Amino acid sequence: MLAPAARHLGTLWDQDLCDFTQVTIGLMRLQQVLRRLSPAFQNEMARRELGCRALLVPGPGEQHTFGLVMVAEFFRRAGWDVWGGPQSGRQDPVEMVRSVAFAMVGFSVGSNNTLDRLATLIRKVRRTSRNPAIGIMVGGPIFLENPSLVALVGADTTAADGREAVHKAQGLLNLQTERS
């Protein structure tokens, strides 16, 4: 319910039916609900050693990170070791994948204004990653509206929500294992 509510806030913003303050307060309340649910996610987490490490970061220049926070909770619940998050926009994902072996990197993108920069960043991540078979996932409303953009930026997949993101990431991990 949180993702559709956040998308609805975005629609209200786009249609000029809510101002900045109303959207900010709405997102703040959604984050409060997510924080309250977070312990429940942690309690249900399967304690298995999958060796799954994911880097989840905002795309270049992105400021909208609520979806990223929700997706990270789903990955943690599924037993993934999640790095990054909303504040990781200050960290260079290229340096992170150079120093730590990630199974996959997920980029959250809110608009198509930065797709060229995202494509460049994805190429650099693939070139410098300690994991030569690293999976790249992109998420955000623009990829839901136009799935062909996934290939345009050089990513492997996208997902509509956190549950699907974990499922698709597991599929990418299975492909990596088969190739090894």
N, C-alpha and C. Protein backbone atom coordinates (compact mmCIF):
# COMPACT_ATOMS: atom_id res chain seq x y z
N MET A 1 0.81 -1.21 0.00
CA MET A 1 0.00 0.00 0.00
C MET A 1 0.86 1.27 0.00
N LEU A 2 2.09 1.17 0.51
CA LEU A 2 2.91 2.37 0.60
C LEU A 2 3.35 2.87 -0.78
N ALA A 3 3.76 1.96 -1.64
CA ALA A 3 4.21 2.37 -2.98
C ALA A 3 3.09 3.03 -3.77
N PRO A 4 1.89 2.44 -3.82
CA PRO A 4 0.80 3.13 -4.54
C PRO A 4 0.46 4.49 -3.93
N ALA A 5 0.54 4.60 -2.60
CA ALA A 5 0.26 5.88 -1.96
C ALA A 5 1.30 6.92 -2.36
N ALA A 6 2.57 6.51 -2.40
CA ALA A 6 3.63 7.43 -2.81
C ALA A 6 3.45 7.84 -4.28
N ARG A 7 3.10 6.86 -5.13
CA ARG A 7 2.85 7.19 -6.55
C ARG A 7 1.69 8.16 -6.68
N HIS A 8 0.64 7.96 -5.86
CA HIS A 8 -0.51 8.86 -5.91
C HIS A 8 -0.10 10.28 -5.52
N LEU A 9 0.73 10.40 -4.50
CA LEU A 9 1.24 11.72 -4.14
C LEU A 9 1.98 12.36 -5.31
N GLY A 10 2.78 11.56 -6.01
CA GLY A 10 3.49 12.07 -7.19
C GLY A 10 2.53 12.54 -8.27
N THR A 11 1.46 11.80 -8.47
CA THR A 11 0.44 12.20 -9.45
C THR A 11 -0.22 13.50 -9.03
N LEU A 12 -0.59 13.61 -7.76
CA LEU A 12 -1.18 14.85 -7.26
C LEU A 12 -0.24 16.04 -7.46
N TRP A 13 1.05 15.82 -7.25
CA TRP A 13 2.06 16.85 -7.45
C TRP A 13 2.14 17.23 -8.93
N ASP A 14 2.21 16.21 -9.80
CA ASP A 14 2.30 16.45 -11.24
C ASP A 14 1.10 17.22 -11.77
N GLN A 15 -0.08 16.94 -11.21
CA GLN A 15 -1.30 17.59 -11.67
C GLN A 15 -1.57 18.90 -10.94
N ASP A 16 -0.61 19.31 -10.12
CA ASP A 16 -0.72 20.57 -9.37
C ASP A 16 -1.92 20.59 -8.42
N LEU A 17 -2.28 19.42 -7.87
CA LEU A 17 -3.38 19.34 -6.93
C LEU A 17 -2.88 19.37 -5.48
N CYS A 18 -1.56 19.23 -5.29
CA CYS A 18 -0.93 19.34 -3.97
C CYS A 18 0.29 20.22 -4.11
N ASP A 19 0.55 20.99 -3.06
CA ASP A 19 1.76 21.81 -3.09
C ASP A 19 2.92 21.05 -2.44
N PHE A 20 4.08 21.67 -2.45
CA PHE A 20 5.30 21.05 -1.93
C PHE A 20 5.13 20.62 -0.47
N THR A 21 4.53 21.46 0.34
CA THR A 21 4.36 21.15 1.76
C THR A 21 3.47 19.94 1.96
N GLN A 22 2.37 19.87 1.23
CA GLN A 22 1.45 18.74 1.37
C GLN A 22 2.13 17.43 0.96
N VAL A 23 2.86 17.46 -0.13
CA VAL A 23 3.55 16.25 -0.58
C VAL A 23 4.63 15.85 0.42
N THR A 24 5.36 16.81 0.94
CA THR A 24 6.41 16.53 1.92
C THR A 24 5.83 15.91 3.18
N ILE A 25 4.73 16.45 3.67
CA ILE A 25 4.08 15.91 4.86
C ILE A 25 3.56 14.50 4.58
N GLY A 26 2.98 14.30 3.41
CA GLY A 26 2.49 12.97 3.03
C GLY A 26 3.61 11.94 2.99
N LEU A 27 4.73 12.30 2.38
CA LEU A 27 5.87 11.38 2.32
C LEU A 27 6.46 11.13 3.70
N MET A 28 6.48 12.16 4.53
CA MET A 28 6.98 11.99 5.90
C MET A 28 6.11 10.97 6.64
N ARG A 29 4.80 11.06 6.46
CA ARG A 29 3.91 10.11 7.14
C ARG A 29 4.09 8.70 6.60
N LEU A 30 4.30 8.58 5.29
CA LEU A 30 4.56 7.26 4.72
C LEU A 30 5.87 6.68 5.28
N GLN A 31 6.88 7.53 5.45
CA GLN A 31 8.15 7.06 6.02
C GLN A 31 7.97 6.63 7.46
N GLN A 32 7.10 7.33 8.21
CA GLN A 32 6.83 6.92 9.59
C GLN A 32 6.19 5.52 9.62
N VAL A 33 5.25 5.28 8.73
CA VAL A 33 4.61 3.96 8.66
C VAL A 33 5.65 2.90 8.30
N LEU A 34 6.50 3.21 7.33
CA LEU A 34 7.54 2.26 6.93
C LEU A 34 8.48 1.95 8.10
N ARG A 35 8.87 2.98 8.86
CA ARG A 35 9.75 2.74 10.01
C ARG A 35 9.05 1.87 11.06
N ARG A 36 7.76 2.07 11.24
CA ARG A 36 7.02 1.24 12.20
C ARG A 36 6.94 -0.20 11.73
N LEU A 37 6.84 -0.40 10.41
CA LEU A 37 6.77 -1.75 9.86
C LEU A 37 8.14 -2.42 9.79
N SER A 38 9.20 -1.65 9.79
CA SER A 38 10.54 -2.19 9.61
C SER A 38 10.88 -3.29 10.61
N PRO A 39 10.58 -3.15 11.90
CA PRO A 39 10.88 -4.26 12.82
C PRO A 39 10.14 -5.54 12.45
N ALA A 40 8.93 -5.41 11.92
CA ALA A 40 8.20 -6.60 11.49
C ALA A 40 8.92 -7.27 10.34
N PHE A 41 9.45 -6.47 9.41
CA PHE A 41 10.23 -7.03 8.32
C PHE A 41 11.43 -7.78 8.89
N GLN A 42 12.12 -7.17 9.83
CA GLN A 42 13.32 -7.78 10.38
C GLN A 42 12.99 -9.08 11.12
N ASN A 43 11.88 -9.11 11.84
CA ASN A 43 11.51 -10.31 12.58
C ASN A 43 11.16 -11.46 11.66
N GLU A 44 10.64 -11.16 10.47
CA GLU A 44 10.25 -12.21 9.53
C GLU A 44 11.41 -12.64 8.64
N MET A 45 12.53 -11.95 8.71
CA MET A 45 13.64 -12.20 7.78
C MET A 45 14.17 -13.61 7.92
N ALA A 46 14.35 -14.25 6.81
CA ALA A 46 14.97 -15.58 6.81
C ALA A 46 16.46 -15.38 7.09
N ARG A 47 16.95 -16.03 8.11
CA ARG A 47 18.36 -15.90 8.49
C ARG A 47 19.20 -16.90 7.73
N ARG A 48 19.35 -16.69 6.46
CA ARG A 48 20.14 -17.61 5.65
C ARG A 48 21.32 -16.87 5.05
N GLU A 49 22.34 -17.59 4.80
CA GLU A 49 23.54 -17.02 4.22
C GLU A 49 23.51 -17.22 2.71
N LEU A 50 23.00 -16.25 2.02
CA LEU A 50 22.89 -16.36 0.58
C LEU A 50 24.12 -15.81 -0.14
N GLY A 51 24.91 -15.02 0.55
CA GLY A 51 26.02 -14.36 -0.12
C GLY A 51 25.52 -13.30 -1.08
N CYS A 52 24.32 -12.80 -0.83
CA CYS A 52 23.70 -11.80 -1.70
C CYS A 52 23.96 -10.41 -1.15
N ARG A 53 24.69 -9.62 -1.89
CA ARG A 53 24.97 -8.26 -1.47
C ARG A 53 24.46 -7.32 -2.56
N ALA A 54 23.60 -6.39 -2.15
CA ALA A 54 23.01 -5.44 -3.10
C ALA A 54 23.39 -4.02 -2.72
N LEU A 55 23.70 -3.23 -3.72
CA LEU A 55 23.93 -1.79 -3.56
C LEU A 55 22.72 -1.09 -4.16
N LEU A 56 21.98 -0.36 -3.34
CA LEU A 56 20.79 0.35 -3.80
C LEU A 56 21.03 1.84 -3.62
N VAL A 57 21.02 2.57 -4.73
CA VAL A 57 21.36 4.00 -4.68
C VAL A 57 20.43 4.81 -5.58
N PRO A 58 20.30 6.10 -5.26
CA PRO A 58 19.56 6.97 -6.17
C PRO A 58 20.36 7.17 -7.45
N GLY A 59 19.66 7.34 -8.56
CA GLY A 59 20.34 7.64 -9.82
C GLY A 59 20.99 9.01 -9.74
N PRO A 60 21.81 9.35 -10.73
CA PRO A 60 22.51 10.64 -10.73
C PRO A 60 21.53 11.81 -10.59
N GLY A 61 21.77 12.66 -9.61
CA GLY A 61 20.96 13.86 -9.43
C GLY A 61 19.57 13.63 -8.86
N GLU A 62 19.26 12.42 -8.44
CA GLU A 62 17.91 12.10 -7.94
C GLU A 62 17.74 12.58 -6.51
N GLN A 63 16.55 13.07 -6.22
CA GLN A 63 16.22 13.51 -4.87
C GLN A 63 15.10 12.68 -4.25
N HIS A 64 14.32 11.99 -5.08
CA HIS A 64 13.19 11.20 -4.58
C HIS A 64 13.69 9.81 -4.22
N THR A 65 13.66 9.49 -2.92
CA THR A 65 14.27 8.24 -2.46
C THR A 65 13.35 7.37 -1.63
N PHE A 66 12.08 7.74 -1.50
CA PHE A 66 11.18 6.94 -0.67
C PHE A 66 11.06 5.51 -1.20
N GLY A 67 10.93 5.37 -2.51
CA GLY A 67 10.84 4.03 -3.11
C GLY A 67 12.07 3.20 -2.82
N LEU A 68 13.22 3.84 -2.84
CA LEU A 68 14.48 3.16 -2.56
C LEU A 68 14.49 2.60 -1.13
N VAL A 69 13.98 3.37 -0.19
CA VAL A 69 13.92 2.92 1.20
C VAL A 69 13.01 1.69 1.31
N MET A 70 11.87 1.73 0.62
CA MET A 70 10.95 0.59 0.67
C MET A 70 11.57 -0.65 0.04
N VAL A 71 12.21 -0.49 -1.10
CA VAL A 71 12.82 -1.63 -1.78
C VAL A 71 13.92 -2.25 -0.90
N ALA A 72 14.71 -1.41 -0.24
CA ALA A 72 15.76 -1.91 0.65
C ALA A 72 15.18 -2.78 1.75
N GLU A 73 14.02 -2.41 2.29
CA GLU A 73 13.38 -3.22 3.34
C GLU A 73 13.00 -4.60 2.81
N PHE A 74 12.51 -4.66 1.58
CA PHE A 74 12.16 -5.96 1.00
C PHE A 74 13.40 -6.82 0.80
N PHE A 75 14.50 -6.21 0.37
CA PHE A 75 15.74 -6.97 0.19
C PHE A 75 16.24 -7.49 1.53
N ARG A 76 16.21 -6.66 2.55
CA ARG A 76 16.66 -7.12 3.87
C ARG A 76 15.79 -8.26 4.37
N ARG A 77 14.49 -8.13 4.16
CA ARG A 77 13.56 -9.18 4.60
C ARG A 77 13.88 -10.51 3.91
N ALA A 78 14.34 -10.44 2.68
CA ALA A 78 14.67 -11.66 1.93
C ALA A 78 16.07 -12.18 2.25
N GLY A 79 16.78 -11.52 3.16
CA GLY A 79 18.08 -12.01 3.59
C GLY A 79 19.27 -11.40 2.86
N TRP A 80 19.06 -10.39 2.07
CA TRP A 80 20.16 -9.74 1.35
C TRP A 80 20.92 -8.80 2.28
N ASP A 81 22.18 -8.65 2.02
CA ASP A 81 23.03 -7.66 2.69
C ASP A 81 22.94 -6.38 1.85
N VAL A 82 22.21 -5.40 2.36
CA VAL A 82 21.91 -4.19 1.59
C VAL A 82 22.83 -3.06 1.99
N TRP A 83 23.46 -2.48 1.00
CA TRP A 83 24.31 -1.30 1.17
C TRP A 83 23.65 -0.14 0.45
N GLY A 84 24.05 1.07 0.83
CA GLY A 84 23.54 2.26 0.14
C GLY A 84 22.35 2.82 0.86
N GLY A 85 21.42 3.34 0.09
CA GLY A 85 20.22 3.96 0.62
C GLY A 85 20.12 5.40 0.14
N PRO A 86 19.16 6.14 0.69
CA PRO A 86 18.93 7.50 0.22
C PRO A 86 20.14 8.43 0.35
N GLN A 87 20.89 8.32 1.45
CA GLN A 87 22.04 9.19 1.65
C GLN A 87 23.25 8.75 0.85
N SER A 88 23.18 7.61 0.20
CA SER A 88 24.34 7.12 -0.53
C SER A 88 24.58 7.88 -1.82
N GLY A 89 23.70 8.83 -2.15
CA GLY A 89 23.91 9.65 -3.33
C GLY A 89 25.21 10.43 -3.25
N ARG A 90 25.70 10.59 -2.03
CA ARG A 90 26.98 11.30 -1.85
C ARG A 90 28.18 10.38 -2.08
N GLN A 91 27.94 9.06 -2.08
CA GLN A 91 29.01 8.09 -2.30
C GLN A 91 29.03 7.71 -3.77
N ASP A 92 30.19 7.43 -4.28
CA ASP A 92 30.35 7.07 -5.68
C ASP A 92 30.12 5.58 -5.86
N PRO A 93 29.05 5.18 -6.57
CA PRO A 93 28.80 3.75 -6.76
C PRO A 93 29.93 3.05 -7.49
N VAL A 94 30.64 3.76 -8.36
CA VAL A 94 31.76 3.16 -9.08
C VAL A 94 32.86 2.76 -8.09
N GLU A 95 33.16 3.63 -7.16
CA GLU A 95 34.17 3.30 -6.14
C GLU A 95 33.70 2.17 -5.24
N MET A 96 32.40 2.16 -4.93
CA MET A 96 31.87 1.12 -4.05
C MET A 96 31.97 -0.25 -4.71
N VAL A 97 31.61 -0.37 -6.01
CA VAL A 97 31.67 -1.68 -6.67
C VAL A 97 33.11 -2.09 -6.97
N ARG A 98 33.99 -1.13 -6.99
CA ARG A 98 35.41 -1.44 -7.18
C ARG A 98 36.00 -2.07 -5.91
N SER A 99 35.49 -1.65 -4.75
CA SER A 99 36.08 -2.13 -3.50
C SER A 99 35.30 -3.28 -2.85
N VAL A 100 34.03 -3.47 -3.20
CA VAL A 100 33.20 -4.50 -2.59
C VAL A 100 32.51 -5.28 -3.71
N ALA A 101 32.46 -6.60 -3.58
CA ALA A 101 31.80 -7.44 -4.58
C ALA A 101 30.29 -7.47 -4.32
N PHE A 102 29.53 -6.83 -5.16
CA PHE A 102 28.07 -6.82 -5.08
C PHE A 102 27.50 -7.78 -6.11
N ALA A 103 26.43 -8.47 -5.76
CA ALA A 103 25.73 -9.31 -6.74
C ALA A 103 24.93 -8.43 -7.70
N MET A 104 24.40 -7.32 -7.16
CA MET A 104 23.63 -6.43 -8.02
C MET A 104 23.64 -5.01 -7.49
N VAL A 105 23.40 -4.09 -8.42
CA VAL A 105 23.25 -2.68 -8.08
C VAL A 105 21.89 -2.24 -8.59
N GLY A 106 21.15 -1.55 -7.73
CA GLY A 106 19.85 -1.01 -8.12
C GLY A 106 19.89 0.50 -8.08
N PHE A 107 19.42 1.12 -9.15
CA PHE A 107 19.35 2.58 -9.23
C PHE A 107 17.89 3.00 -9.25
N SER A 108 17.54 3.98 -8.42
CA SER A 108 16.20 4.53 -8.37
C SER A 108 16.19 5.84 -9.14
N VAL A 109 15.26 5.95 -10.10
CA VAL A 109 15.22 7.11 -10.97
C VAL A 109 13.80 7.66 -11.02
N GLY A 110 13.67 8.95 -10.84
CA GLY A 110 12.35 9.57 -10.82
C GLY A 110 11.94 10.26 -12.10
N SER A 111 12.90 10.65 -12.91
CA SER A 111 12.55 11.36 -14.15
C SER A 111 13.51 10.97 -15.26
N ASN A 112 13.17 11.32 -16.48
CA ASN A 112 14.03 10.97 -17.60
C ASN A 112 15.08 12.04 -17.91
N ASN A 113 15.21 13.04 -17.06
CA ASN A 113 16.18 14.12 -17.28
C ASN A 113 17.62 13.67 -17.13
N THR A 114 17.84 12.55 -16.44
CA THR A 114 19.21 12.11 -16.16
C THR A 114 19.54 10.76 -16.78
N LEU A 115 18.77 10.32 -17.76
CA LEU A 115 18.99 8.99 -18.33
C LEU A 115 20.36 8.86 -18.99
N ASP A 116 20.85 9.90 -19.64
CA ASP A 116 22.19 9.84 -20.25
C ASP A 116 23.25 9.64 -19.18
N ARG A 117 23.13 10.39 -18.09
CA ARG A 117 24.10 10.24 -16.99
C ARG A 117 23.99 8.86 -16.35
N LEU A 118 22.77 8.34 -16.24
CA LEU A 118 22.58 7.00 -15.68
C LEU A 118 23.23 5.95 -16.57
N ALA A 119 23.04 6.06 -17.88
CA ALA A 119 23.64 5.09 -18.81
C ALA A 119 25.16 5.11 -18.70
N THR A 120 25.75 6.28 -18.60
CA THR A 120 27.20 6.40 -18.43
C THR A 120 27.64 5.76 -17.13
N LEU A 121 26.90 6.02 -16.06
CA LEU A 121 27.23 5.45 -14.75
C LEU A 121 27.13 3.92 -14.77
N ILE A 122 26.11 3.38 -15.41
CA ILE A 122 25.96 1.93 -15.48
C ILE A 122 27.14 1.30 -16.23
N ARG A 123 27.57 1.92 -17.33
CA ARG A 123 28.73 1.40 -18.06
C ARG A 123 29.98 1.39 -17.17
N LYS A 124 30.17 2.45 -16.40
CA LYS A 124 31.34 2.53 -15.50
C LYS A 124 31.24 1.47 -14.40
N VAL A 125 30.04 1.26 -13.86
CA VAL A 125 29.85 0.25 -12.82
C VAL A 125 30.20 -1.13 -13.36
N ARG A 126 29.72 -1.45 -14.53
CA ARG A 126 30.01 -2.76 -15.13
C ARG A 126 31.51 -2.92 -15.40
N ARG A 127 32.15 -1.87 -15.86
CA ARG A 127 33.57 -1.92 -16.22
C ARG A 127 34.47 -2.08 -14.99
N THR A 128 34.08 -1.49 -13.86
CA THR A 128 34.97 -1.46 -12.69
C THR A 128 34.58 -2.44 -11.58
N SER A 129 33.44 -3.11 -11.71
CA SER A 129 32.94 -3.96 -10.64
C SER A 129 33.89 -5.13 -10.35
N ARG A 130 34.03 -5.47 -9.06
CA ARG A 130 34.77 -6.67 -8.67
C ARG A 130 34.06 -7.92 -9.13
N ASN A 131 32.77 -7.82 -9.37
CA ASN A 131 31.97 -8.95 -9.86
C ASN A 131 31.73 -8.71 -11.36
N PRO A 132 32.41 -9.43 -12.23
CA PRO A 132 32.24 -9.19 -13.67
C PRO A 132 30.85 -9.51 -14.19
N ALA A 133 30.06 -10.26 -13.42
CA ALA A 133 28.70 -10.62 -13.84
C ALA A 133 27.64 -9.83 -13.07
N ILE A 134 28.01 -8.66 -12.55
CA ILE A 134 27.09 -7.88 -11.72
C ILE A 134 25.78 -7.61 -12.45
N GLY A 135 24.68 -7.74 -11.71
CA GLY A 135 23.37 -7.43 -12.26
C GLY A 135 23.02 -5.98 -11.98
N ILE A 136 22.35 -5.36 -12.94
CA ILE A 136 21.95 -3.96 -12.78
C ILE A 136 20.43 -3.88 -12.92
N MET A 137 19.80 -3.31 -11.89
CA MET A 137 18.35 -3.10 -11.90
C MET A 137 18.07 -1.61 -11.79
N VAL A 138 17.07 -1.16 -12.50
CA VAL A 138 16.64 0.23 -12.40
C VAL A 138 15.17 0.23 -12.00
N GLY A 139 14.79 1.25 -11.26
CA GLY A 139 13.40 1.34 -10.83
C GLY A 139 12.94 2.77 -10.82
N GLY A 140 11.65 2.92 -10.83
CA GLY A 140 11.04 4.25 -10.82
C GLY A 140 9.94 4.32 -11.86
N PRO A 141 9.12 5.34 -11.73
CA PRO A 141 7.94 5.44 -12.60
C PRO A 141 8.25 5.51 -14.09
N ILE A 142 9.38 6.08 -14.47
CA ILE A 142 9.66 6.19 -15.91
C ILE A 142 9.88 4.83 -16.54
N PHE A 143 10.43 3.88 -15.78
CA PHE A 143 10.66 2.54 -16.32
C PHE A 143 9.37 1.73 -16.36
N LEU A 144 8.45 2.03 -15.45
CA LEU A 144 7.14 1.37 -15.49
C LEU A 144 6.34 1.86 -16.69
N GLU A 145 6.45 3.15 -16.96
CA GLU A 145 5.72 3.74 -18.10
C GLU A 145 6.34 3.34 -19.43
N ASN A 146 7.65 3.17 -19.46
CA ASN A 146 8.34 2.87 -20.71
C ASN A 146 9.45 1.84 -20.45
N PRO A 147 9.11 0.55 -20.41
CA PRO A 147 10.09 -0.50 -20.10
C PRO A 147 11.27 -0.56 -21.07
N SER A 148 11.12 -0.05 -22.28
CA SER A 148 12.24 -0.08 -23.24
C SER A 148 13.41 0.78 -22.78
N LEU A 149 13.17 1.67 -21.83
CA LEU A 149 14.26 2.50 -21.30
C LEU A 149 15.28 1.67 -20.51
N VAL A 150 14.85 0.51 -20.02
CA VAL A 150 15.77 -0.37 -19.27
C VAL A 150 16.96 -0.71 -20.15
N ALA A 151 16.71 -1.17 -21.36
CA ALA A 151 17.80 -1.51 -22.28
C ALA A 151 18.55 -0.27 -22.73
N LEU A 152 17.84 0.83 -22.90
CA LEU A 152 18.49 2.07 -23.34
C LEU A 152 19.59 2.52 -22.39
N VAL A 153 19.36 2.36 -21.08
CA VAL A 153 20.38 2.79 -20.10
C VAL A 153 21.40 1.69 -19.81
N GLY A 154 21.17 0.48 -20.35
CA GLY A 154 22.14 -0.60 -20.17
C GLY A 154 21.90 -1.45 -18.93
N ALA A 155 20.69 -1.39 -18.38
CA ALA A 155 20.37 -2.21 -17.21
C ALA A 155 19.87 -3.58 -17.65
N ASP A 156 19.79 -4.50 -16.69
CA ASP A 156 19.32 -5.85 -16.97
C ASP A 156 17.81 -6.00 -16.79
N THR A 157 17.25 -5.25 -15.84
CA THR A 157 15.84 -5.44 -15.52
C THR A 157 15.30 -4.25 -14.73
N THR A 158 13.99 -4.26 -14.52
CA THR A 158 13.31 -3.31 -13.66
C THR A 158 12.23 -4.07 -12.91
N ALA A 159 11.62 -3.42 -11.94
CA ALA A 159 10.57 -4.05 -11.16
C ALA A 159 9.54 -3.00 -10.76
N ALA A 160 8.32 -3.45 -10.60
CA ALA A 160 7.23 -2.54 -10.26
C ALA A 160 7.17 -2.22 -8.77
N ASP A 161 7.71 -3.12 -7.93
CA ASP A 161 7.66 -2.89 -6.49
C ASP A 161 8.78 -3.69 -5.81
N GLY A 162 8.85 -3.56 -4.48
CA GLY A 162 9.92 -4.21 -3.73
C GLY A 162 9.90 -5.72 -3.81
N ARG A 163 8.73 -6.32 -3.75
CA ARG A 163 8.62 -7.77 -3.83
C ARG A 163 9.13 -8.29 -5.17
N GLU A 164 8.72 -7.62 -6.25
CA GLU A 164 9.17 -8.02 -7.58
C GLU A 164 10.66 -7.76 -7.75
N ALA A 165 11.17 -6.69 -7.14
CA ALA A 165 12.60 -6.37 -7.25
C ALA A 165 13.44 -7.50 -6.65
N VAL A 166 13.03 -8.02 -5.51
CA VAL A 166 13.77 -9.12 -4.89
C VAL A 166 13.72 -10.35 -5.79
N HIS A 167 12.56 -10.64 -6.33
CA HIS A 167 12.40 -11.80 -7.21
C HIS A 167 13.30 -11.67 -8.44
N LYS A 168 13.31 -10.50 -9.06
CA LYS A 168 14.13 -10.29 -10.25
C LYS A 168 15.62 -10.32 -9.91
N ALA A 169 15.99 -9.77 -8.75
CA ALA A 169 17.40 -9.80 -8.33
C ALA A 169 17.85 -11.24 -8.10
N GLN A 170 16.97 -12.05 -7.53
CA GLN A 170 17.31 -13.47 -7.33
C GLN A 170 17.51 -14.14 -8.68
N GLY A 171 16.70 -13.79 -9.66
CA GLY A 171 16.88 -14.32 -11.01
C GLY A 171 18.22 -13.93 -11.60
N LEU A 172 18.62 -12.67 -11.39
CA LEU A 172 19.94 -12.22 -11.86
C LEU A 172 21.05 -13.01 -11.16
N LEU A 173 20.88 -13.24 -9.88
CA LEU A 173 21.87 -13.99 -9.11
C LEU A 173 21.96 -15.44 -9.62
N ASN A 174 20.83 -16.03 -9.94
CA ASN A 174 20.81 -17.39 -10.48
C ASN A 174 21.55 -17.45 -11.82
N LEU A 175 21.37 -16.43 -12.66
CA LEU A 175 22.08 -16.36 -13.93
C LEU A 175 23.58 -16.28 -13.70
N GLN A 176 24.00 -15.48 -12.72
CA GLN A 176 25.43 -15.35 -12.41
C GLN A 176 26.00 -16.71 -12.01
N THR A 177 25.25 -17.44 -11.19
CA THR A 177 25.70 -18.75 -10.71
C THR A 177 25.82 -19.73 -11.87
N GLU A 178 24.86 -19.70 -12.78
CA GLU A 178 24.90 -20.60 -13.94
C GLU A 178 26.09 -20.30 -14.84
N ARG A 179 26.45 -19.05 -14.95
CA ARG A 179 27.57 -18.66 -15.82
C ARG A 179 28.92 -19.02 -15.22
N SER A 180 28.97 -19.15 -13.89
CA SER A 180 30.23 -19.44 -13.21
C SER A 180 30.69 -20.86 -13.42
